[in-house]
Amino acid sequence: MLPLTQDLLEQVKAIAIAAGEAILAVYQRDFSVEQKDDDSPLTEADLAAHHLILSELTKLTPAVPVLSEEAADIPWSERQRWTQYWLVDPLDGTKEFIKRNGEFTVNIALIQQGEPVLGVIHAPVLDKTYAAAEGLGVTRQQHDLIETIRVAVTPAAGEVVKVVGSRSHYSADVEDYLSRFPKHELIAVGSSLKFCLVAEGSAHLYPRFGPTMLWDTGAGHVIVKVAGAHIEYQGIENPAYHREQLKNPNFLVSAL
């Protein structure tokens, strides 16, 4: 297994930031949008980031395989032999990218024995990078300022509970869940930034009662866990990140 070192974390951060620069090169000009087989959008920025990350991770750790959203057709017969792998969403929040609202991210996670143990989320437009690894803590970097972050203190009875939700996937199930909190504030944001808002204490809850894939959650999972939050899954205690099914069950990220 790769040892979880600060040097490894910094190198993965550098790869995520470089991928962000490749994305911004497309973001700042006209670009075309294709539809994938599942009707989700695909841009040349997704592919540019994917190829850069794949190349750099392969140079960094030649023996560790990579599972990326843009190359996810690796059969389970091969993946089931993996004891560790990189899990990548080269552009999480393609819809936000297309809307040009800046709320998209680069997600890179290291999975060992089915558990996410290192994660980096980089938001290129915001110039924010969240990074965490087991035993190394969790930080947020914006420009040259690096800060250690932690989840918010549980609000007292009667205080407002801050809930972060998807800008593109708000559902009736989430609305029903929120009804149990008479005083709540809903913060809408795209991509895996929702994990980051819980990790840094800007929100207490992130309910996701809709489809997500492994690469949508791997990096965020590490970041919120190291920051002090926990994830509850619907119908299952803790689904491993080493499994045939790439789709996640519904989940709740909670700092309460």
Protein backbone atom coordinates (compact mmCIF):
# COMPACT_ATOMS: atom_id res chain seq x y z
CA MET A 1 0.00 0.00 0.00
CA LEU A 2 1.11 3.55 -0.65
CA PRO A 3 2.11 5.24 2.60
CA LEU A 4 -0.05 8.27 3.36
CA THR A 5 2.49 11.07 3.52
CA GLN A 6 2.28 14.84 3.31
CA ASP A 7 4.47 14.66 0.21
CA LEU A 8 1.99 12.36 -1.54
CA LEU A 9 -0.90 14.64 -0.59
CA GLU A 10 0.94 17.70 -1.93
CA GLN A 11 1.69 15.95 -5.21
CA VAL A 12 -1.96 15.00 -5.66
CA LYS A 13 -2.96 18.59 -4.90
CA ALA A 14 -0.57 19.77 -7.61
CA ILE A 15 -2.13 17.36 -10.11
CA ALA A 16 -5.65 18.55 -9.25
CA ILE A 17 -4.60 22.20 -9.62
CA ALA A 18 -2.96 21.48 -13.00
CA ALA A 19 -6.17 19.77 -14.14
CA GLY A 20 -8.07 22.85 -13.00
CA GLU A 21 -5.87 25.02 -15.19
CA ALA A 22 -6.63 22.79 -18.18
CA ILE A 23 -10.34 23.14 -17.42
CA LEU A 24 -10.11 26.93 -17.15
CA ALA A 25 -8.44 27.10 -20.56
CA VAL A 26 -11.66 25.67 -22.01
CA TYR A 27 -13.97 27.56 -19.63
CA GLN A 28 -12.67 30.91 -20.83
CA ARG A 29 -13.65 30.35 -24.45
CA ASP A 30 -16.51 28.86 -26.46
CA PHE A 31 -16.84 25.09 -26.14
CA SER A 32 -19.09 22.34 -27.44
CA VAL A 33 -21.20 19.99 -25.33
CA GLU A 34 -21.89 16.34 -26.14
CA GLN A 35 -24.31 13.92 -24.45
CA LYS A 36 -23.00 10.66 -23.02
CA ASP A 37 -24.94 7.40 -23.14
CA ASP A 38 -26.58 8.22 -19.79
CA ASP A 39 -27.64 11.65 -21.15
CA SER A 40 -25.18 13.48 -18.89
CA PRO A 41 -23.18 16.27 -20.55
CA LEU A 42 -19.57 15.93 -21.65
CA THR A 43 -17.23 18.75 -22.68
CA GLU A 44 -13.68 18.88 -23.96
CA ALA A 45 -12.73 20.17 -20.50
CA ASP A 46 -13.80 16.85 -18.93
CA LEU A 47 -11.54 14.99 -21.35
CA ALA A 48 -8.59 17.39 -21.05
CA ALA A 49 -8.65 17.08 -17.25
CA HIS A 50 -9.08 13.31 -17.44
CA HIS A 51 -6.06 12.79 -19.71
CA LEU A 52 -3.86 15.10 -17.62
CA ILE A 53 -4.78 13.42 -14.33
CA LEU A 54 -4.39 9.92 -15.77
CA SER A 55 -0.96 10.76 -17.15
CA GLU A 56 0.29 12.43 -13.95
CA LEU A 57 -1.03 9.77 -11.56
CA THR A 58 0.52 7.07 -13.73
CA LYS A 59 3.87 8.86 -13.50
CA LEU A 60 3.48 9.34 -9.75
CA THR A 61 2.41 5.78 -8.91
CA PRO A 62 2.87 3.50 -11.95
CA ALA A 63 1.63 0.39 -10.14
CA VAL A 64 -1.63 1.91 -8.88
CA PRO A 65 -4.59 1.71 -11.31
CA VAL A 66 -6.96 4.60 -11.98
CA LEU A 67 -10.76 4.54 -12.18
CA SER A 68 -12.05 7.75 -13.75
CA GLU A 69 -15.56 8.82 -14.72
CA GLU A 70 -14.30 9.26 -18.27
CA ALA A 71 -12.79 5.74 -18.38
CA ALA A 72 -15.13 3.76 -16.17
CA ASP A 73 -15.65 0.75 -18.43
CA ILE A 74 -13.06 -1.38 -16.63
CA PRO A 75 -14.70 -4.77 -15.98
CA TRP A 76 -15.28 -5.95 -12.43
CA SER A 77 -13.25 -9.07 -13.21
CA GLU A 78 -10.23 -6.76 -13.40
CA ARG A 79 -11.19 -4.24 -10.70
CA GLN A 80 -11.91 -6.89 -8.08
CA ARG A 81 -8.20 -7.73 -7.98
CA TRP A 82 -7.29 -4.18 -7.00
CA THR A 83 -6.18 -3.63 -3.40
CA GLN A 84 -5.80 0.11 -3.97
CA TYR A 85 -6.64 2.53 -6.77
CA TRP A 86 -7.09 6.17 -7.64
CA LEU A 87 -10.71 7.29 -8.00
CA VAL A 88 -11.14 10.37 -10.18
CA ASP A 89 -13.86 12.73 -11.31
CA PRO A 90 -11.92 15.05 -13.63
CA LEU A 91 -14.76 17.59 -13.77
CA ASP A 92 -17.46 17.19 -11.15
CA GLY A 93 -20.37 19.51 -11.88
CA THR A 94 -20.29 19.63 -15.66
CA LYS A 95 -23.74 21.25 -15.59
CA GLU A 96 -22.33 24.04 -13.42
CA PHE A 97 -19.40 24.35 -15.83
CA ILE A 98 -21.82 24.76 -18.73
CA LYS A 99 -23.79 27.37 -16.77
CA ARG A 100 -20.48 29.15 -16.06
CA ASN A 101 -21.30 29.65 -12.37
CA GLY A 102 -17.89 28.45 -11.16
CA GLU A 103 -19.27 25.70 -8.90
CA PHE A 104 -17.40 22.75 -10.36
CA THR A 105 -14.46 20.77 -9.04
CA VAL A 106 -11.68 18.29 -9.72
CA ASN A 107 -11.94 15.25 -7.42
CA ILE A 108 -9.12 12.78 -6.75
CA ALA A 109 -9.24 10.09 -4.05
CA LEU A 110 -7.03 7.18 -3.07
CA ILE A 111 -8.90 4.01 -2.16
CA GLN A 112 -7.16 1.33 -0.10
CA GLN A 113 -8.85 -1.96 0.86
CA GLY A 114 -12.21 -0.50 -0.14
CA GLU A 115 -11.88 2.65 1.97
CA PRO A 116 -11.17 6.22 0.80
CA VAL A 117 -8.05 7.31 2.70
CA LEU A 118 -6.82 10.41 0.83
CA GLY A 119 -8.84 13.02 -1.01
CA VAL A 120 -8.37 16.29 -2.87
CA ILE A 121 -11.12 18.58 -4.17
CA HIS A 122 -10.04 21.59 -6.21
CA ALA A 123 -12.42 24.35 -7.38
CA PRO A 124 -10.56 26.13 -10.21
CA VAL A 125 -12.71 29.28 -10.50
CA LEU A 126 -12.82 29.78 -6.73
CA ASP A 127 -9.11 28.91 -6.47
CA LYS A 128 -9.87 26.74 -3.44
CA THR A 129 -8.30 23.37 -2.73
CA TYR A 130 -9.47 21.03 0.03
CA ALA A 131 -7.14 18.17 0.93
CA ALA A 132 -7.23 15.42 3.54
CA ALA A 133 -5.68 12.10 4.40
CA GLU A 134 -6.03 9.78 7.34
CA GLY A 135 -3.52 10.81 9.98
CA LEU A 136 -2.66 14.10 8.24
CA GLY A 137 -5.71 16.26 8.96
CA VAL A 138 -7.71 18.36 6.50
CA THR A 139 -6.90 21.78 5.04
CA ARG A 140 -8.42 24.42 2.80
CA GLN A 141 -6.11 26.45 0.60
CA GLN A 142 -7.14 29.65 -1.17
CA HIS A 143 -4.39 31.48 -3.00
CA ASP A 144 -1.40 31.21 -0.64
CA LEU A 145 -3.43 30.88 2.57
CA ILE A 146 -3.66 27.35 3.99
CA GLU A 147 -5.97 26.73 6.96
CA THR A 148 -6.90 23.67 8.98
CA ILE A 149 -10.68 23.20 8.91
CA ARG A 150 -13.18 21.47 11.17
CA VAL A 151 -16.92 20.84 11.17
CA ALA A 152 -19.26 23.30 12.88
CA VAL A 153 -20.36 22.99 16.49
CA THR A 154 -23.77 21.32 16.78
CA PRO A 155 -26.41 24.08 16.98
CA ALA A 156 -28.33 24.38 20.23
CA ALA A 157 -32.04 23.58 20.34
CA GLY A 158 -33.96 26.22 18.43
CA GLU A 159 -30.96 27.44 16.48
CA VAL A 160 -30.81 27.33 12.70
CA VAL A 161 -29.52 24.14 11.08
CA LYS A 162 -27.62 24.91 7.89
CA VAL A 163 -28.25 22.40 5.11
CA VAL A 164 -26.34 22.31 1.85
CA GLY A 165 -28.02 20.86 -1.21
CA SER A 166 -27.59 20.48 -4.91
CA ARG A 167 -28.23 23.38 -7.24
CA SER A 168 -29.10 20.95 -10.04
CA HIS A 169 -30.68 17.98 -8.22
CA TYR A 170 -33.02 19.31 -5.50
CA SER A 171 -35.69 16.68 -4.79
CA ALA A 172 -38.98 16.21 -2.96
CA ASP A 173 -37.25 13.67 -0.69
CA VAL A 174 -34.81 16.33 0.48
CA GLU A 175 -37.67 18.74 1.08
CA ASP A 176 -39.45 16.09 3.14
CA TYR A 177 -36.29 15.43 5.17
CA LEU A 178 -35.85 19.13 5.90
CA SER A 179 -39.35 19.34 7.35
CA ARG A 180 -37.99 17.77 10.56
CA PHE A 181 -35.94 20.93 11.16
CA PRO A 182 -38.36 23.82 11.88
CA LYS A 183 -35.47 26.26 11.63
CA HIS A 184 -33.17 25.53 8.74
CA GLU A 185 -31.33 27.44 6.08
CA LEU A 186 -30.81 25.83 2.69
CA ILE A 187 -27.55 26.62 0.92
CA ALA A 188 -27.56 25.66 -2.77
CA VAL A 189 -24.23 24.83 -4.35
CA GLY A 190 -23.02 22.57 -7.13
CA SER A 191 -20.63 19.61 -7.31
CA SER A 192 -18.63 18.14 -4.42
CA LEU A 193 -18.35 21.60 -2.88
CA LYS A 194 -21.27 20.43 -0.72
CA PHE A 195 -18.92 18.06 1.12
CA CYS A 196 -16.46 20.91 1.56
CA LEU A 197 -19.05 23.24 3.10
CA VAL A 198 -19.80 20.63 5.77
CA ALA A 199 -16.09 19.99 6.36
CA GLU A 200 -15.28 23.68 6.86
CA GLY A 201 -18.26 24.32 9.15
CA SER A 202 -20.37 26.39 6.73
CA ALA A 203 -23.14 23.75 6.81
CA HIS A 204 -24.25 21.05 9.24
CA LEU A 205 -25.95 18.62 6.85
CA TYR A 206 -25.78 17.44 3.26
CA PRO A 207 -28.62 15.06 2.36
CA ARG A 208 -28.27 13.40 -1.04
CA PHE A 209 -31.33 11.39 -1.99
CA GLY A 210 -30.57 10.93 -5.65
CA PRO A 211 -28.11 9.21 -7.98
CA THR A 212 -24.37 9.61 -7.46
CA MET A 213 -21.42 7.50 -8.49
CA LEU A 214 -18.28 6.41 -6.66
CA TRP A 215 -16.17 9.18 -8.23
CA ASP A 216 -18.68 11.81 -7.07
CA THR A 217 -18.08 10.99 -3.41
CA GLY A 218 -14.65 9.41 -2.86
CA ALA A 219 -12.63 12.58 -2.25
CA GLY A 220 -15.44 14.30 -0.37
CA HIS A 221 -15.87 11.22 1.84
CA VAL A 222 -12.29 11.50 3.12
CA ILE A 223 -12.49 15.26 3.60
CA VAL A 224 -15.68 15.25 5.70
CA LYS A 225 -14.58 12.19 7.68
CA VAL A 226 -11.21 13.68 8.64
CA ALA A 227 -12.93 17.01 9.43
CA GLY A 228 -15.19 15.27 11.97
CA ALA A 229 -18.43 14.55 10.11
CA HIS A 230 -19.94 11.16 9.36
CA ILE A 231 -21.85 9.64 6.45
CA GLU A 232 -25.01 7.58 6.86
CA TYR A 233 -26.15 5.42 3.95
CA GLN A 234 -29.72 4.41 3.20
CA GLY A 235 -30.28 0.69 3.57
CA ILE A 236 -26.63 -0.25 4.13
CA GLU A 237 -24.14 0.40 6.91
CA ASN A 238 -21.05 1.34 4.93
CA PRO A 239 -20.76 0.36 1.26
CA ALA A 240 -17.16 -0.33 0.31
CA TYR A 241 -15.54 1.58 -2.52
CA HIS A 242 -14.36 -1.77 -3.84
CA ARG A 243 -17.48 -3.25 -5.40
CA GLU A 244 -19.00 -4.13 -8.76
CA GLN A 245 -21.80 -1.55 -8.57
CA LEU A 246 -20.49 1.96 -9.29
CA LYS A 247 -23.68 3.74 -8.24
CA ASN A 248 -23.99 4.89 -4.61
CA PRO A 249 -27.02 4.47 -2.36
CA ASN A 250 -28.70 7.59 -0.97
CA PHE A 251 -26.68 9.15 1.84
CA LEU A 252 -26.55 11.87 4.47
CA VAL A 253 -23.41 13.76 5.46
CA SER A 254 -23.86 15.04 9.00
CA ALA A 255 -21.86 17.12 11.44
CA LEU A 256 -24.62 16.87 14.06
